[in-house]
Amino acid sequence: RDASTLRSRPEIAYLHPLLRAMALNHNPYVAAANPDRIAFLERIVAFNRKLTAAFSAAGVPVLAGTDAQVPGIVPGFSLHDELDALVVAGLTPMQALESATRAPCAWLGQLGNCGVVAPGARADLLLLDGNPLANISNTRQISGVIVRGKYVARAELDRRLRELKIRYEQPK
């Protein structure tokens, strides 16, 4: 609705400076914001919620995958927002989690290689401090990750984020 809401989101600091400038200063969604346009987009969101719930109830695979090139969307961070939105739309927390893990691998014909915890499968895992089945927002409580079979602790993730933020704050 306005760029100030984007500026207040901490994750915006992790967008490349050119993408951040576009999102904050040249965002076509913000530029086109007016009461009629906002009402129209709210109707689309409401319809999409109903459609998502209906698809899920009918057994249509629902796959998470935020629009990474939409101005203001910060890949990685936005996936948590999408999982929240899927639950608001009527999916269970388990269905929302599967939409970002098992279901894409199955859709790509890779189930067994990814989307499962099994010997020989791709070893990428998110380790959480909270149960996402109790509250999908607990996916934000990351204690560490396993990437390609290597453990990365929360402290290391935070260090990498600090370095990225500093690098993006430096004038070129």
Protein backbone atom coordinates (compact mmCIF):
# COMPACT_ATOMS: atom_id res chain seq x y z
CA ARG A 1 0.00 0.00 0.00
CA ASP A 2 2.94 2.31 0.60
CA ALA A 3 6.70 2.01 0.65
CA SER A 4 6.92 2.83 4.37
CA THR A 5 5.56 -0.63 5.18
CA LEU A 6 8.41 -2.13 3.15
CA ARG A 7 11.00 0.10 4.85
CA SER A 8 9.87 -1.16 8.26
CA ARG A 9 10.55 -4.82 7.42
CA PRO A 10 14.00 -5.87 8.72
CA GLU A 11 14.57 -8.35 5.89
CA ILE A 12 14.58 -5.57 3.29
CA ALA A 13 18.23 -4.97 4.32
CA TYR A 14 19.12 -8.32 2.73
CA LEU A 15 17.95 -7.37 -0.75
CA HIS A 16 20.70 -6.39 -3.15
CA PRO A 17 20.90 -2.57 -3.14
CA LEU A 18 19.57 -2.29 -6.70
CA LEU A 19 16.57 -4.50 -5.91
CA ARG A 20 16.01 -2.64 -2.63
CA ALA A 21 16.05 0.71 -4.42
CA MET A 22 13.53 -0.59 -6.94
CA ALA A 23 11.27 -1.96 -4.20
CA LEU A 24 11.38 1.21 -2.14
CA ASN A 25 11.66 3.96 -4.74
CA HIS A 26 10.33 2.59 -8.03
CA ASN A 27 7.84 -0.04 -6.95
CA PRO A 28 5.07 -0.30 -9.57
CA TYR A 29 2.67 -1.74 -6.99
CA VAL A 30 3.18 1.23 -4.67
CA ALA A 31 3.04 3.69 -7.57
CA ALA A 32 -0.33 2.29 -8.67
CA ALA A 33 -1.73 2.22 -5.14
CA ASN A 34 -5.05 3.99 -4.83
CA PRO A 35 -8.22 2.95 -3.00
CA ASP A 36 -9.75 1.28 -6.09
CA ARG A 37 -6.56 -0.64 -6.93
CA ILE A 38 -6.11 -1.75 -3.31
CA ALA A 39 -9.74 -2.95 -3.16
CA PHE A 40 -9.22 -4.84 -6.43
CA LEU A 41 -6.06 -6.54 -5.12
CA GLU A 42 -7.80 -7.39 -1.84
CA ARG A 43 -10.56 -9.12 -3.85
CA ILE A 44 -7.91 -11.10 -5.74
CA VAL A 45 -6.24 -12.17 -2.49
CA ALA A 46 -9.60 -13.23 -1.02
CA PHE A 47 -10.43 -15.19 -4.17
CA ASN A 48 -6.99 -16.84 -4.17
CA ARG A 49 -7.48 -17.91 -0.55
CA LYS A 50 -10.73 -19.63 -1.48
CA LEU A 51 -9.17 -21.14 -4.58
CA THR A 52 -6.18 -22.46 -2.62
CA ALA A 53 -8.47 -24.09 -0.04
CA ALA A 54 -10.66 -25.59 -2.79
CA PHE A 55 -7.67 -26.93 -4.70
CA SER A 56 -6.25 -28.48 -1.55
CA ALA A 57 -9.60 -30.04 -0.63
CA ALA A 58 -9.87 -31.48 -4.16
CA GLY A 59 -6.41 -33.03 -3.94
CA VAL A 60 -4.73 -30.60 -6.35
CA PRO A 61 -1.07 -30.23 -5.32
CA VAL A 62 -0.37 -26.87 -3.73
CA LEU A 63 3.27 -25.81 -4.09
CA ALA A 64 4.88 -22.98 -2.15
CA GLY A 65 7.10 -20.67 -4.10
CA THR A 66 7.02 -16.96 -3.52
CA ASP A 67 7.44 -14.55 -6.38
CA ALA A 68 11.11 -13.71 -5.85
CA GLN A 69 11.18 -10.93 -8.42
CA VAL A 70 8.20 -9.05 -7.05
CA PRO A 71 9.49 -5.74 -5.65
CA GLY A 72 9.83 -6.03 -1.88
CA ILE A 73 9.79 -9.83 -1.72
CA VAL A 74 12.93 -11.09 0.03
CA PRO A 75 13.63 -14.72 -0.92
CA GLY A 76 13.92 -17.00 2.08
CA PHE A 77 12.17 -14.61 4.42
CA SER A 78 9.06 -14.44 2.27
CA LEU A 79 8.58 -18.20 2.36
CA HIS A 80 7.58 -17.91 6.02
CA ASP A 81 4.97 -15.32 5.04
CA GLU A 82 3.71 -17.66 2.34
CA LEU A 83 3.40 -20.58 4.77
CA ASP A 84 1.39 -18.32 7.09
CA ALA A 85 -0.83 -17.31 4.15
CA LEU A 86 -1.44 -20.93 3.18
CA VAL A 87 -2.64 -21.71 6.70
CA VAL A 88 -4.86 -18.60 6.67
CA ALA A 89 -6.26 -19.91 3.38
CA GLY A 90 -7.30 -23.14 5.10
CA LEU A 91 -4.41 -25.56 4.74
CA THR A 92 -3.25 -27.33 7.85
CA PRO A 93 0.27 -26.53 9.07
CA MET A 94 1.35 -29.98 7.80
CA GLN A 95 -0.09 -29.27 4.35
CA ALA A 96 1.65 -25.89 4.28
CA LEU A 97 4.98 -27.49 5.23
CA GLU A 98 4.52 -30.18 2.60
CA SER A 99 3.83 -27.47 0.01
CA ALA A 100 7.41 -26.26 0.51
CA THR A 101 9.12 -29.63 0.97
CA ARG A 102 7.66 -32.93 -0.17
CA ALA A 103 5.11 -31.69 -2.71
CA PRO A 104 7.55 -29.80 -4.99
CA CYS A 105 9.89 -32.80 -5.05
CA ALA A 106 6.99 -35.10 -5.91
CA TRP A 107 5.78 -32.71 -8.63
CA LEU A 108 9.30 -32.66 -10.12
CA GLY A 109 9.52 -36.47 -9.96
CA GLN A 110 12.35 -36.25 -7.42
CA LEU A 111 10.63 -37.62 -4.31
CA GLY A 112 13.11 -39.95 -2.69
CA ASN A 113 16.00 -37.73 -3.74
CA CYS A 114 14.54 -34.69 -1.95
CA GLY A 115 11.50 -33.91 0.16
CA VAL A 116 12.17 -36.83 2.50
CA VAL A 117 14.45 -37.60 5.40
CA ALA A 118 16.05 -40.86 4.28
CA PRO A 119 19.48 -42.39 3.61
CA GLY A 120 20.82 -41.23 0.27
CA ALA A 121 18.38 -38.31 -0.04
CA ARG A 122 19.53 -34.73 -0.39
CA ALA A 123 20.53 -33.58 3.10
CA ASP A 124 18.94 -30.12 3.42
CA LEU A 125 17.00 -29.55 6.63
CA LEU A 126 15.75 -26.66 8.68
CA LEU A 127 16.11 -27.18 12.44
CA LEU A 128 13.52 -25.29 14.49
CA ASP A 129 13.13 -24.30 18.12
CA GLY A 130 9.32 -24.42 17.88
CA ASN A 131 6.84 -26.93 16.51
CA PRO A 132 5.45 -25.66 13.18
CA LEU A 133 2.56 -28.12 13.44
CA ALA A 134 1.38 -26.25 16.54
CA ASN A 135 1.93 -22.85 14.90
CA ILE A 136 3.21 -22.42 11.36
CA SER A 137 4.96 -19.20 12.38
CA ASN A 138 7.40 -21.37 14.33
CA THR A 139 9.20 -21.91 11.02
CA ARG A 140 10.82 -18.56 11.81
CA GLN A 141 12.43 -19.99 14.97
CA ILE A 142 15.46 -21.38 13.16
CA SER A 143 18.16 -22.86 15.38
CA GLY A 144 20.25 -24.09 12.48
CA VAL A 145 20.20 -25.63 9.04
CA ILE A 146 21.75 -28.60 7.35
CA VAL A 147 22.81 -27.71 3.82
CA ARG A 148 24.22 -30.44 1.58
CA GLY A 149 24.79 -32.52 4.69
CA LYS A 150 26.71 -29.80 6.60
CA TYR A 151 25.36 -28.29 9.81
CA VAL A 152 25.24 -24.48 10.06
CA ALA A 153 24.37 -23.16 13.54
CA ARG A 154 22.18 -20.12 14.22
CA ALA A 155 25.22 -18.08 15.26
CA GLU A 156 26.85 -18.72 11.88
CA LEU A 157 23.64 -17.87 10.04
CA ASP A 158 23.45 -14.60 11.97
CA ARG A 159 27.10 -13.84 11.19
CA ARG A 160 26.47 -14.38 7.48
CA LEU A 161 23.40 -12.16 7.56
CA ARG A 162 25.34 -9.40 9.35
CA GLU A 163 28.09 -9.61 6.72
CA LEU A 164 25.56 -9.43 3.90
CA LYS A 165 23.83 -6.44 5.47
CA ILE A 166 27.15 -4.63 5.93
CA ARG A 167 28.20 -5.41 2.36
CA TYR A 168 24.89 -4.09 1.02
CA GLU A 169 25.18 -0.91 3.13
CA GLN A 170 28.60 -0.03 1.69
CA PRO A 171 28.50 2.59 -1.05
CA LYS A 172 29.80 1.33 -4.38
